[in-house]
């Protein structure tokens, strides 16, 4: 986990140096957090935008905004640096959605948003696709489609906040404390929700025909 690999005091030191104009410190910060931002954007970008814009474009815009506002953040860091940087990146992603899609609603179909909040929302279709992409590479398209539907149905059965904490912890690689802060939960509640979501997800995977054979 990228953010956990550096001590908080080290991140804070780099933020202070970057806010004072140290370009090398700023480069270290964005290299440290760039991969996690890319995962977040890739998961939450509306599929109709893929091919039109690249996650790197969204992230680069957020870096420009963050650099402009870094001094203000350094004076009053009310949240961890990466949570702040992720928030700015999310705002840029929202802007891209509005710019390219306007007020058009997502054609939901079987899709259910991970979490109904102000942040760009992924759907269970997106999360299921990411799960299957990580955990299985079935050779037959029909098998993959059926598994995606079954997994999506299992995700749909979870509460929206449980789906979101699964995405935050498993894909965006947030610590329990960071996920709790983002969702406005205490750490104990966040931990329990994540454990519950994992159990239900594992139960769903076991119920998918042929899954265990492919994973063995």
Protein backbone atom coordinates (compact mmCIF):
# COMPACT_ATOMS: atom_id res chain seq x y z
CA UNK A 1 0.00 0.00 0.00
CA UNK A 2 1.70 3.17 -1.22
CA UNK A 3 0.47 5.59 1.43
CA UNK A 4 1.29 3.22 4.28
CA UNK A 5 4.84 2.77 3.03
CA UNK A 6 5.82 6.25 4.16
CA UNK A 7 5.61 7.56 7.69
CA UNK A 8 3.01 10.30 8.12
CA UNK A 9 5.67 12.63 9.45
CA UNK A 10 7.71 12.08 6.28
CA UNK A 11 4.71 12.94 4.11
CA UNK A 12 4.07 16.04 6.20
CA UNK A 13 7.71 17.06 5.89
CA UNK A 14 7.56 16.74 2.11
CA UNK A 15 4.33 18.76 2.04
CA UNK A 16 5.95 21.55 4.04
CA UNK A 17 8.98 21.58 1.74
CA UNK A 18 6.85 21.52 -1.40
CA UNK A 19 4.69 24.36 -0.08
CA UNK A 20 7.89 26.39 0.33
CA UNK A 21 8.77 25.85 -3.33
CA UNK A 22 10.84 22.65 -3.20
CA UNK A 23 10.13 21.07 -6.59
CA UNK A 24 11.96 17.85 -5.68
CA UNK A 25 9.70 17.35 -2.66
CA UNK A 26 6.62 17.91 -4.82
CA UNK A 27 7.88 15.38 -7.37
CA UNK A 28 8.33 12.82 -4.60
CA UNK A 29 4.81 13.39 -3.36
CA UNK A 30 3.13 12.97 -6.72
CA UNK A 31 5.24 9.93 -7.61
CA UNK A 32 4.28 8.37 -4.30
CA UNK A 33 0.56 8.85 -4.78
CA UNK A 34 0.15 8.73 -8.56
CA UNK A 35 -0.56 4.98 -8.91
CA UNK A 36 -3.35 5.10 -6.34
CA UNK A 37 -4.95 8.11 -8.01
CA UNK A 38 -4.86 6.29 -11.34
CA UNK A 39 -6.65 3.28 -9.82
CA UNK A 40 -9.31 5.56 -8.38
CA UNK A 41 -9.92 7.38 -11.65
CA UNK A 42 -9.95 4.15 -13.68
CA UNK A 43 -12.56 2.64 -11.35
CA UNK A 44 -14.80 5.70 -11.20
CA UNK A 45 -14.60 7.09 -14.73
CA UNK A 46 -17.86 6.65 -16.62
CA UNK A 47 -17.34 4.02 -19.28
CA UNK A 48 -18.63 6.37 -21.96
CA UNK A 49 -15.59 8.58 -21.32
CA UNK A 50 -13.04 5.81 -21.76
CA UNK A 51 -11.35 6.35 -25.08
CA UNK A 52 -12.18 10.06 -25.01
CA UNK A 53 -9.96 11.02 -22.09
CA UNK A 54 -7.14 9.30 -20.26
CA UNK A 55 -6.93 9.03 -16.46
CA UNK A 56 -3.54 10.73 -16.69
CA UNK A 57 -5.21 13.87 -18.05
CA UNK A 58 -7.55 14.03 -15.04
CA UNK A 59 -4.69 13.44 -12.62
CA UNK A 60 -2.50 16.07 -14.26
CA UNK A 61 -5.25 18.66 -13.90
CA UNK A 62 -5.58 17.76 -10.22
CA UNK A 63 -1.81 18.18 -9.72
CA UNK A 64 -2.00 21.69 -11.16
CA UNK A 65 -4.86 22.54 -8.81
CA UNK A 66 -3.11 20.92 -5.84
CA UNK A 67 0.14 22.80 -6.49
CA UNK A 68 -1.81 26.08 -6.56
CA UNK A 69 -3.56 25.30 -3.28
CA UNK A 70 -0.73 23.51 -1.49
CA UNK A 71 0.26 26.47 0.68
CA UNK A 72 -3.30 26.76 1.97
CA UNK A 73 -3.43 23.05 2.72
CA UNK A 74 -0.05 23.08 4.50
CA UNK A 75 -1.26 25.82 6.86
CA UNK A 76 -4.33 23.84 7.88
CA UNK A 77 -4.12 20.13 6.98
CA UNK A 78 -7.56 19.01 8.12
CA UNK A 79 -7.18 15.63 6.42
CA UNK A 80 -4.30 13.35 5.35
CA UNK A 81 -2.49 14.60 2.27
CA UNK A 82 -3.54 11.75 0.01
CA UNK A 83 -7.20 12.07 1.04
CA UNK A 84 -6.98 15.75 0.12
CA UNK A 85 -5.27 15.01 -3.19
CA UNK A 86 -7.83 12.33 -3.99
CA UNK A 87 -10.64 14.79 -3.26
CA UNK A 88 -9.20 17.31 -5.74
CA UNK A 89 -8.78 14.56 -8.34
CA UNK A 90 -12.39 13.52 -7.79
CA UNK A 91 -13.52 17.08 -8.42
CA UNK A 92 -11.63 17.12 -11.71
CA UNK A 93 -13.23 13.83 -12.67
CA UNK A 94 -16.66 15.27 -11.93
CA UNK A 95 -15.82 18.22 -14.20
CA UNK A 96 -14.92 15.83 -17.02
CA UNK A 97 -18.19 13.96 -16.56
CA UNK A 98 -20.15 17.19 -16.80
CA UNK A 99 -18.11 18.49 -19.72
CA UNK A 100 -18.53 15.38 -21.85
CA UNK A 101 -21.82 13.93 -20.65
CA UNK A 102 -23.75 16.95 -19.43
CA UNK A 103 -26.91 16.10 -17.53
CA UNK A 104 -27.36 12.73 -19.24
CA UNK A 105 -28.06 10.05 -16.67
CA UNK A 106 -26.09 6.84 -16.70
CA UNK A 107 -27.99 4.04 -18.40
CA UNK A 108 -28.11 1.99 -15.24
CA UNK A 109 -29.45 -1.36 -16.42
CA UNK A 110 -28.11 -3.79 -13.86
CA UNK A 111 -25.76 -1.18 -12.47
CA UNK A 112 -26.01 0.17 -8.93
CA UNK A 113 -23.76 2.93 -7.66
CA UNK A 114 -21.21 1.91 -5.09
CA UNK A 115 -22.09 4.80 -2.83
CA UNK A 116 -24.49 7.72 -3.14
CA UNK A 117 -22.22 10.59 -2.21
CA UNK A 118 -20.67 13.68 -3.78
CA UNK A 119 -17.68 11.77 -5.13
CA UNK A 120 -17.65 10.28 -8.65
CA UNK A 121 -19.49 7.00 -8.34
CA UNK A 122 -18.38 3.72 -9.79
CA UNK A 123 -21.01 1.03 -10.24
CA UNK A 124 -21.21 -2.62 -9.37
CA UNK A 125 -20.62 -3.36 -13.06
CA UNK A 126 -17.30 -1.51 -12.85
CA UNK A 127 -16.34 -3.19 -9.58
CA UNK A 128 -17.30 -6.65 -10.86
CA UNK A 129 -15.21 -6.10 -13.98
CA UNK A 130 -12.22 -5.09 -11.86
CA UNK A 131 -12.66 -8.09 -9.60
CA UNK A 132 -12.81 -10.51 -12.49
CA UNK A 133 -9.90 -8.79 -14.16
CA UNK A 134 -7.79 -9.31 -11.05
CA UNK A 135 -8.98 -12.70 -9.97
CA UNK A 136 -9.79 -14.64 -13.11
CA UNK A 137 -9.07 -14.76 -16.83
CA UNK A 138 -11.70 -17.14 -18.25
CA UNK A 139 -11.01 -18.18 -21.81
CA UNK A 140 -14.65 -18.25 -22.90
CA UNK A 141 -16.51 -14.96 -23.15
CA UNK A 142 -19.85 -16.54 -22.20
CA UNK A 143 -18.41 -17.82 -18.91
CA UNK A 144 -16.98 -14.41 -18.13
CA UNK A 145 -20.30 -12.69 -18.85
CA UNK A 146 -22.20 -15.07 -16.57
CA UNK A 147 -19.66 -14.65 -13.80
CA UNK A 148 -19.80 -10.88 -14.12
CA UNK A 149 -23.58 -10.93 -13.76
CA UNK A 150 -23.46 -13.26 -10.75
CA UNK A 151 -20.79 -11.20 -9.04
CA UNK A 152 -22.63 -7.99 -9.81
CA UNK A 153 -25.80 -9.38 -8.28
CA UNK A 154 -23.87 -10.26 -5.12
CA UNK A 155 -22.44 -6.73 -4.96
CA UNK A 156 -25.90 -5.27 -5.54
CA UNK A 157 -27.13 -7.14 -2.45
CA UNK A 158 -24.66 -5.25 -0.25
CA UNK A 159 -25.49 -1.91 1.30
CA UNK A 160 -24.05 0.93 -0.76
CA UNK A 161 -21.64 1.96 1.99
CA UNK A 162 -20.34 -1.62 2.21
CA UNK A 163 -19.70 -1.70 -1.52
CA UNK A 164 -17.87 1.60 -1.24
CA UNK A 165 -15.66 0.50 1.64
CA UNK A 166 -14.79 -2.62 -0.35
CA UNK A 167 -13.69 -0.40 -3.24
CA UNK A 168 -11.76 1.94 -0.96
CA UNK A 169 -9.91 -0.80 0.91
CA UNK A 170 -9.46 -3.43 -1.79
CA UNK A 171 -8.91 -1.36 -4.93
CA UNK A 172 -7.88 2.10 -3.84
CA UNK A 173 -5.77 0.56 -1.06
CA UNK A 174 -6.82 2.92 1.70
CA UNK A 175 -6.03 2.05 5.28
CA UNK A 176 -8.96 1.41 7.58
CA UNK A 177 -8.48 4.83 9.19
CA UNK A 178 -8.43 6.64 5.84
CA UNK A 179 -11.55 4.82 4.61
CA UNK A 180 -13.32 5.62 7.86
CA UNK A 181 -12.48 9.32 7.51
CA UNK A 182 -13.69 9.43 3.90
CA UNK A 183 -16.99 7.77 4.78
CA UNK A 184 -17.52 9.59 8.07
CA UNK A 185 -17.37 6.41 10.17
CA UNK A 186 -15.38 5.56 13.25
CA UNK A 187 -12.54 3.10 12.70
CA UNK A 188 -14.28 0.22 14.44
CA UNK A 189 -17.42 0.55 12.33
CA UNK A 190 -15.37 0.82 9.13
CA UNK A 191 -13.39 -2.29 10.01
CA UNK A 192 -16.55 -4.29 10.74
CA UNK A 193 -18.19 -3.19 7.50
CA UNK A 194 -15.12 -4.15 5.47
CA UNK A 195 -14.90 -7.58 7.11
CA UNK A 196 -18.61 -8.18 6.49
CA UNK A 197 -18.33 -7.13 2.85
CA UNK A 198 -15.35 -9.44 2.31
CA UNK A 199 -17.19 -12.43 3.78
CA UNK A 200 -20.22 -11.85 1.58
CA UNK A 201 -18.04 -11.33 -1.48
CA UNK A 202 -16.11 -14.55 -0.83
CA UNK A 203 -19.40 -16.42 -0.40
CA UNK A 204 -20.52 -15.03 -3.75
CA UNK A 205 -17.30 -16.12 -5.46
CA UNK A 206 -17.61 -19.65 -4.10
CA UNK A 207 -21.17 -19.86 -5.45
CA UNK A 208 -20.09 -19.01 -9.01
CA UNK A 209 -19.89 -22.27 -11.02
CA UNK A 210 -16.34 -23.28 -11.86
CA UNK A 211 -14.72 -20.50 -9.87
CA UNK A 212 -12.82 -22.73 -7.45
CA UNK A 213 -11.52 -24.94 -10.24
CA UNK A 214 -10.16 -21.91 -12.13
CA UNK A 215 -8.55 -20.48 -9.00
CA UNK A 216 -6.94 -23.74 -7.87
